[in-house]
Protein backbone atom coordinates (compact mmCIF):
# COMPACT_ATOMS: atom_id res chain seq x y z
CA UNK A 1 16.33 15.16 -4.45
CA UNK A 2 15.30 11.80 -3.94
CA UNK A 3 11.75 12.48 -5.67
CA UNK A 4 12.98 13.94 -8.67
CA UNK A 5 10.60 16.47 -9.59
CA UNK A 6 12.07 19.38 -9.22
CA UNK A 7 11.74 20.47 -13.11
CA UNK A 8 8.04 19.80 -12.53
CA UNK A 9 8.31 22.84 -10.87
CA UNK A 10 6.61 25.22 -12.94
CA UNK A 11 4.39 22.58 -14.42
CA UNK A 12 0.33 22.29 -13.74
CA UNK A 13 -0.62 19.58 -11.60
CA UNK A 14 -3.26 18.29 -14.11
CA UNK A 15 -1.07 17.95 -16.74
CA UNK A 16 1.51 15.78 -14.72
CA UNK A 17 1.20 11.94 -15.53
CA UNK A 18 0.23 9.92 -12.43
CA UNK A 19 3.34 8.87 -11.05
CA UNK A 20 4.40 12.33 -11.03
CA UNK A 21 1.05 13.29 -9.37
CA UNK A 22 2.08 11.06 -6.98
CA UNK A 23 5.22 12.40 -6.09
CA UNK A 24 4.26 15.95 -5.67
CA UNK A 25 1.62 14.75 -3.57
CA UNK A 26 4.09 12.91 -1.55
CA UNK A 27 6.53 16.28 -2.10
CA UNK A 28 3.54 17.41 -0.36
CA UNK A 29 2.87 15.75 2.62
CA UNK A 30 6.41 15.93 3.55
CA UNK A 31 7.49 19.37 3.32
CA UNK A 32 4.63 19.34 6.52
CA UNK A 33 7.34 17.95 8.28
CA UNK A 34 5.01 16.40 10.89
CA UNK A 35 6.71 12.97 11.27
CA UNK A 36 3.83 10.79 10.11
CA UNK A 37 2.36 11.25 6.31
CA UNK A 38 -1.12 9.56 5.34
CA UNK A 39 -1.33 8.21 1.90
CA UNK A 40 -4.95 7.26 0.20
CA UNK A 41 -3.76 4.56 -2.67
CA UNK A 42 -0.52 5.96 -3.66
CA UNK A 43 -0.53 3.47 -6.29
CA UNK A 44 -3.75 3.58 -8.09
CA UNK A 45 -4.11 4.36 -11.55
CA UNK A 46 -0.47 3.79 -12.39
CA UNK A 47 1.49 0.98 -14.08
CA UNK A 48 3.90 -1.72 -12.17
CA UNK A 49 6.81 0.36 -12.67
CA UNK A 50 5.30 3.33 -11.37
CA UNK A 51 4.03 1.48 -8.19
CA UNK A 52 7.06 -0.12 -7.68
CA UNK A 53 8.97 3.12 -8.24
CA UNK A 54 6.50 5.35 -5.29
CA UNK A 55 6.82 2.11 -3.06
CA UNK A 56 10.73 2.55 -3.05
CA UNK A 57 10.48 5.92 -2.40
CA UNK A 58 7.99 5.78 0.11
CA UNK A 59 10.48 3.02 1.80
CA UNK A 60 13.40 5.25 1.54
CA UNK A 61 11.63 7.79 2.42
CA UNK A 62 10.67 5.97 5.99
CA UNK A 63 14.13 4.90 6.60
CA UNK A 64 15.80 7.72 5.60
CA UNK A 65 14.31 11.12 7.61
CA UNK A 66 12.75 7.94 10.45
CA UNK A 67 9.28 8.57 9.10
CA UNK A 68 5.78 6.65 9.61
CA UNK A 69 3.80 6.40 6.79
CA UNK A 70 0.57 5.08 6.48
CA UNK A 71 -0.63 4.10 4.04
CA UNK A 72 -4.09 2.82 2.21
CA UNK A 73 -3.28 0.35 -0.17
CA UNK A 74 -5.30 -2.52 -1.89
CA UNK A 75 -3.02 -4.30 -3.27
CA UNK A 76 -2.14 -7.18 -0.51
CA UNK A 77 1.19 -8.29 -2.69
CA UNK A 78 2.50 -4.63 -2.83
CA UNK A 79 1.56 -3.71 0.82
CA UNK A 80 3.31 -7.19 1.73
CA UNK A 81 6.53 -5.91 -0.20
CA UNK A 82 6.55 -2.96 1.39
CA UNK A 83 5.21 -2.65 5.01
CA UNK A 84 6.81 -3.22 8.16
CA UNK A 85 2.96 -3.86 9.50
CA UNK A 86 0.18 -4.33 7.79
CA UNK A 87 -3.46 -3.47 9.10
CA UNK A 88 -6.71 -5.65 8.05
CA UNK A 89 -10.09 -3.61 8.42
CA UNK A 90 -13.37 -4.68 8.20
CA UNK A 91 -16.41 -2.87 8.72
CA UNK A 92 -14.43 -0.39 10.09
CA UNK A 93 -12.67 -2.21 12.66
CA UNK A 94 -9.62 -3.91 13.25
CA UNK A 95 -9.62 -7.67 12.25
CA UNK A 96 -5.83 -8.38 12.08
CA UNK A 97 -2.37 -6.30 13.03
CA UNK A 98 0.90 -7.36 12.87
CA UNK A 99 4.24 -8.06 10.44
CA UNK A 100 2.53 -9.20 6.52
CA UNK A 101 3.55 -13.12 6.82
CA UNK A 102 1.14 -13.32 10.02
CA UNK A 103 -1.60 -11.00 8.89
CA UNK A 104 -1.79 -12.27 5.91
CA UNK A 105 -3.54 -15.81 6.22
CA UNK A 106 -5.88 -17.74 4.58
CA UNK A 107 -8.07 -17.59 7.65
CA UNK A 108 -7.86 -13.83 7.65
CA UNK A 109 -8.19 -13.21 3.62
CA UNK A 110 -11.64 -15.84 4.19
CA UNK A 111 -13.05 -13.42 7.11
CA UNK A 112 -12.05 -9.77 5.59
CA UNK A 113 -12.85 -10.70 1.94
CA UNK A 114 -14.47 -13.60 1.94
CA UNK A 115 -12.18 -15.41 -0.49
CA UNK A 116 -10.74 -18.66 -0.84
CA UNK A 117 -6.68 -18.20 -1.36
CA UNK A 118 -3.14 -19.28 -1.54
CA UNK A 119 -0.90 -17.62 0.65
CA UNK A 120 3.09 -18.47 -1.13
CA UNK A 121 6.16 -16.88 0.36
CA UNK A 122 8.94 -16.08 -2.31
CA UNK A 123 12.21 -14.26 -1.24
CA UNK A 124 10.47 -14.21 2.50
CA UNK A 125 7.44 -11.90 1.39
CA UNK A 126 3.92 -13.58 1.26
CA UNK A 127 2.00 -13.15 -1.72
CA UNK A 128 -1.73 -13.77 -2.07
CA UNK A 129 -3.13 -15.64 -4.82
CA UNK A 130 -7.00 -15.11 -4.34
CA UNK A 131 -8.96 -18.49 -5.96
CA UNK A 132 -12.61 -17.83 -5.56
CA UNK A 133 -15.40 -15.71 -3.48
CA UNK A 134 -16.51 -17.49 -0.64
CA UNK A 135 -20.61 -18.62 -1.25
CA UNK A 136 -21.92 -15.88 1.47
CA UNK A 137 -25.79 -17.21 2.38
CA UNK A 138 -27.73 -14.66 4.78
CA UNK A 139 -24.19 -12.51 5.57
CA UNK A 140 -22.39 -15.29 6.91
CA UNK A 141 -19.11 -16.85 5.03
């Protein structure tokens, strides 16, 4: 199958690698057949190869099975590469939403994360390069 986890069927979840566990969790979400899957940090604690593997699987599933994936992820560059829409949150509210190239701006990164950053486009995908914190006084940016 697409996830390549058939040989794990008799394994204990706790004995699986981080990448294998993420694939099992994705399969579990797909088995619910809701048309929408929610994932919280599916690439956390994975090496770069497994991060890309998980995100490519998700993108393929979304396209092949007409799914919507809502993914909470803090890796802005991974989000930019694999997302059609990015929603940036601040204080529990939507700060910015739209295409990655429209949302991942220096101004939005300063407003949400309090950082100075450069945003460069490679292969038509924005890449965030954090530079430094913006000094804060009395809660102001």
